[in-house]
């Protein structure tokens, strides 16, 4: 679809009448919003693209380089980012941890100290976490929507993706020591 066709669509009415008419932002509009709100950006690369240079140039031009993390379920997509600039945070999103995936991450991103593994918490055991920890790779998990689950997580986990504002409010309070 063209941008004009996409901008004609309604992206909010599925949620409720309150959001009817909501338009999807361009990447630039999204970055400006995040920058203005002081938010960090996680960009998930879903499909193969040949626009990596443009993606990074736009991210830099809006002053969001230090606040942007790229994640993908394919190492080859992340290698494209990493080959262009090793200072970006790179999240290797995988459904489950295996020795092979950990070794692949180490090999692909040996020169990037900003690599982390991003995994589905429901598919993760303590022995999986120990494997990632032994490799010296930070670990983040998805999708955690309850305070109880957050409190019970292994202490090696350094980041959480959540669909719940309540969970994020809890994390913010927890970080502040409240």
Protein backbone atom coordinates (compact mmCIF):
# COMPACT_ATOMS: atom_id res chain seq x y z
CA UNK A 1 0.00 0.00 0.00
CA UNK A 2 1.07 3.57 -0.49
CA UNK A 3 1.39 5.96 2.44
CA UNK A 4 -1.67 7.84 1.15
CA UNK A 5 -3.72 4.62 1.19
CA UNK A 6 -2.52 3.73 4.68
CA UNK A 7 -3.23 7.24 6.00
CA UNK A 8 -6.84 6.90 4.76
CA UNK A 9 -7.46 3.91 7.03
CA UNK A 10 -8.97 4.00 10.51
CA UNK A 11 -6.67 2.30 13.03
CA UNK A 12 -8.67 3.07 16.16
CA UNK A 13 -12.29 2.05 15.74
CA UNK A 14 -11.50 -1.63 16.41
CA UNK A 15 -10.67 -0.67 20.01
CA UNK A 16 -13.65 1.59 20.70
CA UNK A 17 -15.64 4.52 19.30
CA UNK A 18 -13.42 6.83 21.37
CA UNK A 19 -10.49 6.02 19.07
CA UNK A 20 -12.39 6.08 15.75
CA UNK A 21 -10.50 7.97 13.08
CA UNK A 22 -7.07 7.38 14.62
CA UNK A 23 -4.41 7.36 11.91
CA UNK A 24 -1.24 5.32 11.97
CA UNK A 25 1.82 7.53 12.33
CA UNK A 26 4.79 7.48 10.03
CA UNK A 27 8.07 6.39 11.56
CA UNK A 28 9.07 10.05 11.75
CA UNK A 29 5.83 11.02 13.53
CA UNK A 30 6.29 8.12 15.92
CA UNK A 31 9.86 9.19 16.74
CA UNK A 32 8.81 12.80 17.35
CA UNK A 33 6.05 11.65 19.71
CA UNK A 34 8.43 9.36 21.62
CA UNK A 35 11.11 12.04 21.78
CA UNK A 36 8.62 14.63 23.07
CA UNK A 37 7.35 12.23 25.74
CA UNK A 38 10.86 11.08 26.73
CA UNK A 39 10.15 7.48 25.73
CA UNK A 40 12.55 4.79 24.60
CA UNK A 41 11.75 3.16 21.27
CA UNK A 42 11.73 -0.54 20.46
CA UNK A 43 11.53 -1.12 16.71
CA UNK A 44 10.67 -4.67 15.72
CA UNK A 45 11.81 -5.50 12.21
CA UNK A 46 9.18 -7.92 10.91
CA UNK A 47 10.03 -8.40 7.25
CA UNK A 48 13.10 -8.25 5.11
CA UNK A 49 13.82 -4.74 3.97
CA UNK A 50 16.48 -3.02 1.97
CA UNK A 51 15.87 0.29 3.73
CA UNK A 52 18.21 -0.17 6.70
CA UNK A 53 20.32 2.88 5.84
CA UNK A 54 17.21 5.06 5.61
CA UNK A 55 15.82 3.64 8.87
CA UNK A 56 19.02 4.45 10.74
CA UNK A 57 19.37 7.89 9.12
CA UNK A 58 15.82 8.84 10.16
CA UNK A 59 16.40 7.56 13.68
CA UNK A 60 19.58 9.66 13.98
CA UNK A 61 18.03 12.75 12.37
CA UNK A 62 15.29 12.86 15.00
CA UNK A 63 17.80 12.56 17.83
CA UNK A 64 16.62 9.12 18.89
CA UNK A 65 19.72 7.00 18.26
CA UNK A 66 20.56 6.57 21.95
CA UNK A 67 16.93 5.78 22.79
CA UNK A 68 16.21 3.23 20.06
CA UNK A 69 16.48 -0.54 20.26
CA UNK A 70 16.01 -2.78 17.24
CA UNK A 71 14.60 -6.26 17.74
CA UNK A 72 13.88 -9.07 15.30
CA UNK A 73 13.33 -12.79 15.31
CA UNK A 74 15.95 -13.19 12.61
CA UNK A 75 19.62 -12.73 13.23
CA UNK A 76 20.17 -11.79 9.59
CA UNK A 77 17.86 -8.76 9.94
CA UNK A 78 19.72 -7.61 13.02
CA UNK A 79 23.08 -8.19 11.37
CA UNK A 80 22.05 -5.60 8.78
CA UNK A 81 21.63 -3.01 11.56
CA UNK A 82 24.73 -4.18 13.42
CA UNK A 83 26.91 -4.04 10.28
CA UNK A 84 25.97 -0.41 9.82
CA UNK A 85 26.31 0.73 13.44
CA UNK A 86 27.30 -1.44 16.42
CA UNK A 87 26.21 1.18 18.95
CA UNK A 88 22.49 0.37 18.63
CA UNK A 89 20.89 -1.94 21.15
CA UNK A 90 20.05 -5.18 19.37
CA UNK A 91 17.43 -7.58 20.71
CA UNK A 92 17.46 -11.09 19.31
CA UNK A 93 13.80 -12.09 19.80
CA UNK A 94 13.39 -15.84 20.10
CA UNK A 95 10.53 -18.05 21.23
CA UNK A 96 12.78 -20.23 23.36
CA UNK A 97 16.41 -20.47 24.42
CA UNK A 98 18.62 -23.20 23.00
CA UNK A 99 22.39 -23.61 23.17
CA UNK A 100 22.50 -23.13 19.38
CA UNK A 101 20.62 -19.81 19.51
CA UNK A 102 22.86 -18.50 22.27
CA UNK A 103 25.97 -19.53 20.31
CA UNK A 104 24.56 -17.92 17.16
CA UNK A 105 23.93 -14.67 19.03
CA UNK A 106 27.47 -14.68 20.39
CA UNK A 107 28.93 -15.31 16.93
CA UNK A 108 26.77 -12.81 15.05
CA UNK A 109 27.20 -9.97 17.49
CA UNK A 110 30.65 -10.53 18.97
CA UNK A 111 31.52 -6.86 18.38
CA UNK A 112 28.28 -5.46 19.84
CA UNK A 113 28.18 -5.02 23.61
CA UNK A 114 24.56 -3.83 23.28
CA UNK A 115 23.15 -7.24 22.33
CA UNK A 116 20.46 -8.88 24.43
CA UNK A 117 18.27 -11.91 23.99
CA UNK A 118 14.53 -11.24 24.11
CA UNK A 119 12.52 -14.37 24.83
CA UNK A 120 8.98 -15.48 25.62
CA UNK A 121 8.99 -15.88 29.41
CA UNK A 122 6.46 -18.72 29.27
CA UNK A 123 8.99 -20.84 27.35
CA UNK A 124 11.92 -20.07 29.65
CA UNK A 125 13.33 -22.16 32.49
CA UNK A 126 15.96 -21.35 35.09
CA UNK A 127 18.43 -23.56 33.22
CA UNK A 128 17.75 -21.54 30.03
CA UNK A 129 18.45 -18.34 31.93
CA UNK A 130 21.66 -19.85 33.34
CA UNK A 131 22.79 -20.65 29.79
CA UNK A 132 22.30 -17.03 28.68
CA UNK A 133 23.93 -15.73 31.85
CA UNK A 134 26.96 -17.99 31.34
CA UNK A 135 27.33 -16.52 27.84
CA UNK A 136 27.31 -13.03 29.34
CA UNK A 137 24.35 -11.88 27.25
CA UNK A 138 21.68 -9.74 28.93
CA UNK A 139 18.18 -11.20 28.92
CA UNK A 140 14.82 -9.51 28.46
CA UNK A 141 11.45 -11.23 28.35
CA UNK A 142 8.02 -10.81 26.83
CA UNK A 143 5.04 -10.64 27.50
CA UNK A 144 4.62 -10.14 31.24
CA UNK A 145 1.39 -8.48 32.32
CA UNK A 146 1.15 -9.17 36.04
CA UNK A 147 2.92 -7.80 39.09
CA UNK A 148 3.10 -11.29 40.61
CA UNK A 149 4.96 -12.67 37.60
CA UNK A 150 7.38 -9.75 37.63
CA UNK A 151 8.13 -10.29 41.32
CA UNK A 152 8.76 -14.02 40.76
CA UNK A 153 11.13 -13.57 37.79
CA UNK A 154 14.74 -14.65 37.89
CA UNK A 155 16.93 -11.71 38.93
CA UNK A 156 19.12 -12.07 35.82
CA UNK A 157 16.25 -10.79 33.64
CA UNK A 158 16.99 -7.13 32.95
CA UNK A 159 13.96 -6.03 30.94
CA UNK A 160 10.28 -6.77 30.47
CA UNK A 161 7.88 -6.17 27.59
CA UNK A 162 4.31 -5.82 28.79
CA UNK A 163 0.87 -5.07 27.37
CA UNK A 164 -0.26 -3.82 30.76
CA UNK A 165 0.00 -0.24 31.89
CA UNK A 166 -0.48 -1.52 35.43
CA UNK A 167 2.60 -3.75 35.10
CA UNK A 168 4.65 -0.85 33.73
CA UNK A 169 3.48 1.41 36.59
CA UNK A 170 4.57 -1.29 39.01
CA UNK A 171 7.98 -1.60 37.36
CA UNK A 172 8.48 2.17 37.50
CA UNK A 173 7.62 2.22 41.21
CA UNK A 174 9.82 -0.82 41.82
CA UNK A 175 12.81 0.87 40.10
CA UNK A 176 12.32 3.94 42.28
CA UNK A 177 12.33 1.77 45.40
CA UNK A 178 8.73 2.55 46.38
